[in-house]
Amino acid sequence: MLTANVTLDDFARGDALAAAAGWPHRIVFGLDAAAPPLGALQVQFARFEFVIAGTYTNVLCDRAARIIESELGPGDALVVPGNCWNQPLWDKDVEVLSLLFGATHLGVSLVRWSAGEQRFVSVEKRNCLIPGNGPLQHLVEAMASHRDDVGPTSLDARLLAQSILEYARRLIANPVPEEDRQSSAFFRAACLYIEENFDRLITRDTVAAHLRISPNYFSRVFREQGAMTFSDYLTQVRIGKAKFMLEKYDLPLSQIAQRCGFNDFNYFYKVFKKVVGRTPTEYRNSVQAGAAAKA
């Protein structure tokens, strides 16, 4: 029999899933080493599922691509990184809180399953905007890095789970105001436009015109949402792409500079050294030396 029957309002107030006594007790990962069976849940975004009461049985795969069954109890968590999968069996009474971390929104659902009735006896769902300047996506990525850990759940993973859950709780309890929702949407649209057009001649004014907002409002949104200026973000994207090309392709530096939106090679050279701490040539040599050492 289930001993809990909480609501999302309980969760938002902090009355459910208290991080006490080392909670979560155990973290299990859904992986993608084997093809998902028919009926498995697989989406491109990460999902976290926390068992509040009952027994949550899932078909999963391990790192060796073996299909296994895993039973999670109260206080346990299932972490499914993006594009990985799990298949709930719904063979026992269970109450589960699920978090789906989309590109811009957090989907939250709280379900209660009755094995005797073979149906969900209660379902609550909410959708929250994820602030563009928040830490949630970084926390989720950090949690995914523990997917290959062997043995008992590490303290680092438990602390990350607690932080993610607390952040989600605060988003539900304090939804982003409408003005901030609009600002966040503009910020994300601007970042996407920059990442798709970094190799072209783009300025603050051209991006603002693309979004159909004033340049001054655009600058304010970028500082508030991104904690940096437009020019700093553009430089960050361009240098990041340049580092990738230096690592992967044996192209002349002048071509890399041009393909990353730098029409002046000397300016590219100067900015790269300032941001990375090494010249493009030094960076490429260090990457090649590291690859040779591992061979």
Protein backbone atom coordinates (compact mmCIF):
# COMPACT_ATOMS: atom_id res chain seq x y z
CA MET A 1 0.00 0.00 0.00
CA LEU A 2 1.16 3.54 -0.72
CA THR A 3 1.85 5.70 2.30
CA ALA A 4 2.14 9.04 0.50
CA ASN A 5 -0.38 11.05 -1.50
CA VAL A 6 1.19 14.41 -2.21
CA THR A 7 0.34 17.14 -4.71
CA LEU A 8 2.49 19.51 -6.74
CA ASP A 9 1.46 22.25 -4.32
CA ASP A 10 2.94 20.12 -1.50
CA PHE A 11 6.13 19.80 -3.53
CA ALA A 12 6.24 23.54 -4.27
CA ARG A 13 5.94 24.31 -0.55
CA GLY A 14 8.76 21.89 0.25
CA ASP A 15 6.48 19.46 2.08
CA ALA A 16 7.43 16.49 -0.11
CA LEU A 17 10.73 14.84 -1.05
CA ALA A 18 12.74 16.53 1.68
CA ALA A 19 16.46 16.05 1.13
CA ALA A 20 17.06 14.42 4.49
CA ALA A 21 19.09 11.44 5.66
CA GLY A 22 21.21 11.37 2.52
CA TRP A 23 18.25 11.43 0.13
CA PRO A 24 18.13 10.33 -2.63
CA HIS A 25 19.23 6.97 -1.34
CA ARG A 26 20.05 5.60 -4.77
CA ILE A 27 20.29 6.96 -8.32
CA VAL A 28 19.81 4.63 -11.29
CA PHE A 29 20.58 5.70 -14.86
CA GLY A 30 18.68 4.84 -18.00
CA LEU A 31 21.23 4.44 -20.80
CA ASP A 32 21.20 3.90 -24.58
CA ALA A 33 23.74 1.09 -25.05
CA ALA A 34 20.95 -1.14 -26.40
CA ALA A 35 18.07 -0.32 -28.72
CA PRO A 36 14.89 0.63 -26.82
CA PRO A 37 12.15 -2.01 -26.74
CA LEU A 38 8.68 -1.31 -28.05
CA GLY A 39 6.87 0.97 -25.62
CA ALA A 40 10.00 2.47 -24.08
CA LEU A 41 10.14 6.18 -23.27
CA GLN A 42 12.83 7.99 -25.25
CA VAL A 43 13.03 11.74 -25.89
CA GLN A 44 15.85 14.10 -26.82
CA PHE A 45 15.75 15.85 -23.44
CA ALA A 46 16.90 14.64 -20.04
CA ARG A 47 14.31 13.28 -17.58
CA PHE A 48 14.55 12.75 -13.82
CA GLU A 49 12.01 10.59 -12.00
CA PHE A 50 11.76 10.53 -8.20
CA VAL A 51 9.85 7.81 -6.38
CA ILE A 52 7.69 9.22 -3.61
CA ALA A 53 5.94 6.02 -2.55
CA GLY A 54 5.53 2.44 -3.70
CA THR A 55 7.73 0.50 -6.12
CA TYR A 56 8.73 1.78 -9.56
CA THR A 57 9.86 -1.09 -11.81
CA ASN A 58 11.64 -0.28 -15.07
CA VAL A 59 13.26 -2.14 -17.93
CA LEU A 60 16.66 -0.54 -18.59
CA CYS A 61 19.93 -1.39 -20.26
CA ASP A 62 23.33 -1.39 -18.60
CA ARG A 63 26.65 -0.25 -20.05
CA ALA A 64 27.22 -3.73 -21.50
CA ALA A 65 23.96 -3.39 -23.51
CA ARG A 66 22.22 -6.02 -21.36
CA ILE A 67 18.48 -5.58 -20.80
CA ILE A 68 17.74 -5.55 -17.06
CA GLU A 69 14.90 -4.83 -14.65
CA SER A 70 15.39 -2.35 -11.86
CA GLU A 71 13.09 -1.74 -8.88
CA LEU A 72 13.20 1.70 -7.29
CA GLY A 73 11.65 2.46 -3.93
CA PRO A 74 10.75 5.63 -2.01
CA GLY A 75 13.64 8.08 -2.07
CA ASP A 76 15.25 6.54 -5.16
CA ALA A 77 15.72 8.41 -8.42
CA LEU A 78 15.90 7.41 -12.07
CA VAL A 79 17.99 9.68 -14.31
CA VAL A 80 17.50 9.34 -18.07
CA PRO A 81 19.91 11.57 -20.06
CA GLY A 82 18.81 12.96 -23.41
CA ASN A 83 18.13 10.31 -26.08
CA CYS A 84 18.46 7.49 -23.55
CA TRP A 85 15.45 5.37 -22.57
CA ASN A 86 13.48 3.56 -19.89
CA GLN A 87 10.38 1.37 -19.94
CA PRO A 88 8.13 1.55 -16.87
CA LEU A 89 6.32 -1.73 -16.22
CA TRP A 90 3.61 -0.28 -13.94
CA ASP A 91 3.32 -3.62 -12.14
CA LYS A 92 3.05 -2.20 -8.60
CA ASP A 93 1.37 0.73 -6.88
CA VAL A 94 3.63 3.76 -7.17
CA GLU A 95 3.71 7.54 -6.95
CA VAL A 96 6.35 9.27 -9.11
CA LEU A 97 7.44 12.85 -9.66
CA SER A 98 8.89 13.38 -13.16
CA LEU A 99 10.92 16.33 -14.43
CA LEU A 100 11.50 16.83 -18.17
CA PHE A 101 14.20 19.39 -18.99
CA GLY A 102 13.36 20.93 -22.36
CA ALA A 103 15.36 23.55 -24.21
CA THR A 104 13.33 26.40 -22.74
CA HIS A 105 10.79 24.82 -20.38
CA LEU A 106 10.64 22.44 -17.46
CA GLY A 107 7.81 19.93 -17.62
CA VAL A 108 6.69 18.59 -14.22
CA SER A 109 4.28 15.74 -13.65
CA LEU A 110 3.15 13.89 -10.55
CA VAL A 111 1.41 10.57 -11.18
CA ARG A 112 -0.13 7.93 -8.94
CA TRP A 113 -0.58 4.46 -10.44
CA SER A 114 -2.84 1.73 -9.11
CA ALA A 115 -1.69 -1.75 -10.15
CA GLY A 116 -5.01 -3.24 -9.00
CA GLU A 117 -7.05 -0.88 -11.18
CA GLN A 118 -4.39 -0.77 -13.94
CA ARG A 119 -4.72 2.98 -14.33
CA PHE A 120 -3.42 6.33 -13.15
CA VAL A 121 -5.67 7.36 -10.27
CA SER A 122 -4.25 10.89 -10.24
CA VAL A 123 -2.18 12.98 -12.67
CA GLU A 124 -0.92 16.53 -12.18
CA LYS A 125 1.13 18.43 -14.76
CA ARG A 126 2.73 21.86 -14.91
CA ASN A 127 5.02 23.67 -17.29
CA CYS A 128 7.60 26.27 -16.20
CA LEU A 129 9.88 28.55 -18.20
CA ILE A 130 13.58 27.93 -17.47
CA PRO A 131 15.32 31.33 -17.04
CA GLY A 132 18.03 31.87 -19.63
CA ASN A 133 20.60 32.89 -17.03
CA GLY A 134 19.86 30.11 -14.52
CA PRO A 135 22.04 27.15 -13.56
CA LEU A 136 19.53 24.37 -14.21
CA GLN A 137 20.83 23.15 -17.57
CA HIS A 138 24.40 23.11 -16.23
CA LEU A 139 23.28 21.02 -13.26
CA VAL A 140 21.50 18.58 -15.56
CA GLU A 141 24.59 18.25 -17.76
CA ALA A 142 26.73 17.67 -14.68
CA MET A 143 24.37 14.92 -13.53
CA ALA A 144 24.57 13.22 -16.94
CA SER A 145 28.35 13.05 -16.54
CA HIS A 146 27.84 10.54 -13.71
CA ARG A 147 26.05 8.06 -15.98
CA ASP A 148 29.05 5.73 -16.17
CA ASP A 149 29.83 5.74 -12.46
CA VAL A 150 30.25 2.25 -11.04
CA GLY A 151 29.11 1.19 -7.57
CA PRO A 152 27.01 2.99 -4.96
CA THR A 153 25.58 6.39 -5.78
CA SER A 154 28.26 9.01 -5.23
CA LEU A 155 27.79 11.92 -2.86
CA ASP A 156 28.35 14.31 -5.77
CA ALA A 157 25.45 12.77 -7.71
CA ARG A 158 23.15 12.94 -4.68
CA LEU A 159 24.02 16.59 -4.09
CA LEU A 160 23.37 17.37 -7.75
CA ALA A 161 20.00 15.60 -7.54
CA GLN A 162 19.08 17.61 -4.46
CA SER A 163 20.10 20.88 -6.17
CA ILE A 164 18.11 20.06 -9.32
CA LEU A 165 15.03 19.12 -7.31
CA GLU A 166 15.23 22.26 -5.19
CA TYR A 167 15.65 24.46 -8.26
CA ALA A 168 12.63 22.80 -9.89
CA ARG A 169 10.63 23.29 -6.70
CA ARG A 170 11.40 27.01 -6.72
CA LEU A 171 10.38 27.34 -10.38
CA ILE A 172 7.01 25.79 -9.58
CA ALA A 173 6.54 27.89 -6.45
CA ASN A 174 7.63 31.12 -8.13
CA PRO A 175 6.79 31.09 -11.86
CA VAL A 176 8.74 33.50 -14.03
CA PRO A 177 6.75 36.78 -14.44
CA GLU A 178 5.32 37.49 -17.88
CA GLU A 179 7.80 40.32 -18.56
CA ASP A 180 10.71 38.02 -17.75
CA ARG A 181 9.17 35.27 -19.85
CA GLN A 182 9.20 37.62 -22.84
CA SER A 183 12.77 38.74 -22.12
CA SER A 184 13.91 35.14 -21.81
CA ALA A 185 12.25 34.27 -25.13
CA PHE A 186 14.04 37.17 -26.83
CA PHE A 187 17.35 36.12 -25.29
CA ARG A 188 17.05 32.50 -26.43
CA ALA A 189 15.99 33.57 -29.91
CA ALA A 190 18.99 35.89 -30.09
CA CYS A 191 21.39 33.13 -28.98
CA LEU A 192 19.97 30.76 -31.60
CA TYR A 193 20.30 33.41 -34.32
CA ILE A 194 23.91 34.11 -33.32
CA GLU A 195 24.83 30.42 -33.27
CA GLU A 196 23.33 29.97 -36.75
CA ASN A 197 24.90 33.11 -38.24
CA PHE A 198 28.19 33.58 -36.35
CA ASP A 199 30.17 33.25 -39.60
CA ARG A 200 28.44 36.28 -41.11
CA LEU A 201 28.70 40.00 -40.48
CA ILE A 202 26.22 40.44 -37.64
CA THR A 203 25.88 43.30 -35.19
CA ARG A 204 23.70 44.23 -32.28
CA ASP A 205 21.48 46.23 -34.63
CA THR A 206 21.03 43.42 -37.16
CA VAL A 207 20.06 40.90 -34.46
CA ALA A 208 17.68 43.41 -32.84
CA ALA A 209 16.10 44.05 -36.25
CA HIS A 210 15.70 40.29 -36.76
CA LEU A 211 13.86 40.08 -33.42
CA ARG A 212 11.90 43.28 -34.21
CA ILE A 213 12.92 45.05 -31.01
CA SER A 214 14.97 48.19 -30.42
CA PRO A 215 18.77 47.87 -30.13
CA ASN A 216 18.76 49.44 -26.66
CA TYR A 217 16.10 47.02 -25.37
CA PHE A 218 18.01 44.14 -26.95
CA SER A 219 21.20 45.17 -25.11
CA ARG A 220 19.34 45.36 -21.79
CA VAL A 221 17.75 41.95 -22.30
CA PHE A 222 21.10 40.39 -23.15
CA ARG A 223 22.81 41.82 -20.06
CA GLU A 224 19.97 40.77 -17.75
CA GLN A 225 19.38 37.30 -19.18
CA GLY A 226 22.89 36.34 -20.22
CA ALA A 227 24.98 38.23 -17.66
CA MET A 228 27.20 39.43 -20.53
CA THR A 229 27.10 41.81 -23.47
CA PHE A 230 26.07 40.86 -27.00
CA SER A 231 29.62 41.37 -28.29
CA ASP A 232 31.08 39.16 -25.54
CA TYR A 233 28.63 36.36 -26.38
CA LEU A 234 29.32 36.64 -30.11
CA THR A 235 33.06 36.44 -29.43
CA GLN A 236 32.52 33.43 -27.15
CA VAL A 237 30.58 31.58 -29.88
CA ARG A 238 33.09 32.42 -32.60
CA ILE A 239 36.14 31.43 -30.55
CA GLY A 240 34.39 28.23 -29.47
CA LYS A 241 33.82 27.33 -33.12
CA ALA A 242 37.43 28.23 -33.94
CA LYS A 243 38.70 25.90 -31.21
CA PHE A 244 36.53 23.10 -32.59
CA MET A 245 37.87 23.61 -36.12
CA LEU A 246 41.46 23.74 -34.88
CA GLU A 247 40.90 20.42 -33.12
CA LYS A 248 39.13 18.64 -35.99
CA TYR A 249 40.42 20.07 -39.27
CA ASP A 250 43.83 20.76 -40.74
CA LEU A 251 42.76 24.02 -42.35
CA PRO A 252 44.92 27.14 -42.71
CA LEU A 253 44.40 29.59 -39.88
CA SER A 254 43.20 32.26 -42.29
CA GLN A 255 40.37 29.99 -43.47
CA ILE A 256 39.37 29.13 -39.91
CA ALA A 257 39.27 32.84 -39.04
CA GLN A 258 37.08 33.59 -42.05
CA ARG A 259 34.74 30.66 -41.42
CA CYS A 260 34.25 31.87 -37.84
CA GLY A 261 33.26 35.40 -38.83
CA PHE A 262 36.64 37.13 -38.50
CA ASN A 263 37.46 38.97 -41.73
CA ASP A 264 40.63 40.46 -40.21
CA PHE A 265 43.12 37.66 -39.45
CA ASN A 266 45.23 39.82 -37.15
CA TYR A 267 42.14 40.67 -35.09
CA PHE A 268 41.22 36.97 -34.91
CA TYR A 269 44.75 36.13 -33.73
CA LYS A 270 44.61 38.82 -31.04
CA VAL A 271 41.12 37.90 -29.77
CA PHE A 272 41.88 34.17 -29.73
CA LYS A 273 45.01 34.66 -27.64
CA LYS A 274 43.16 36.96 -25.23
CA VAL A 275 40.26 34.54 -24.72
CA VAL A 276 42.10 31.20 -24.78
CA GLY A 277 45.44 32.27 -23.36
CA ARG A 278 47.34 30.76 -26.30
CA THR A 279 47.72 31.59 -29.97
CA PRO A 280 45.75 29.49 -32.48
CA THR A 281 48.95 27.71 -33.49
CA GLU A 282 49.88 26.96 -29.89
CA TYR A 283 46.36 25.66 -29.22
CA ARG A 284 46.42 23.38 -32.27
CA ASN A 285 49.86 22.04 -31.35
CA SER A 286 48.75 21.29 -27.80
CA VAL A 287 45.70 19.37 -29.05
CA GLN A 288 47.82 17.36 -31.49
CA ALA A 289 50.40 16.60 -28.79
CA GLY A 290 47.66 15.38 -26.44
CA ALA A 291 46.20 13.13 -29.15
CA ALA A 292 49.65 11.69 -29.91
CA ALA A 293 50.26 10.95 -26.23
CA LYS A 294 47.02 8.95 -26.02
CA ALA A 295 47.78 6.94 -29.17
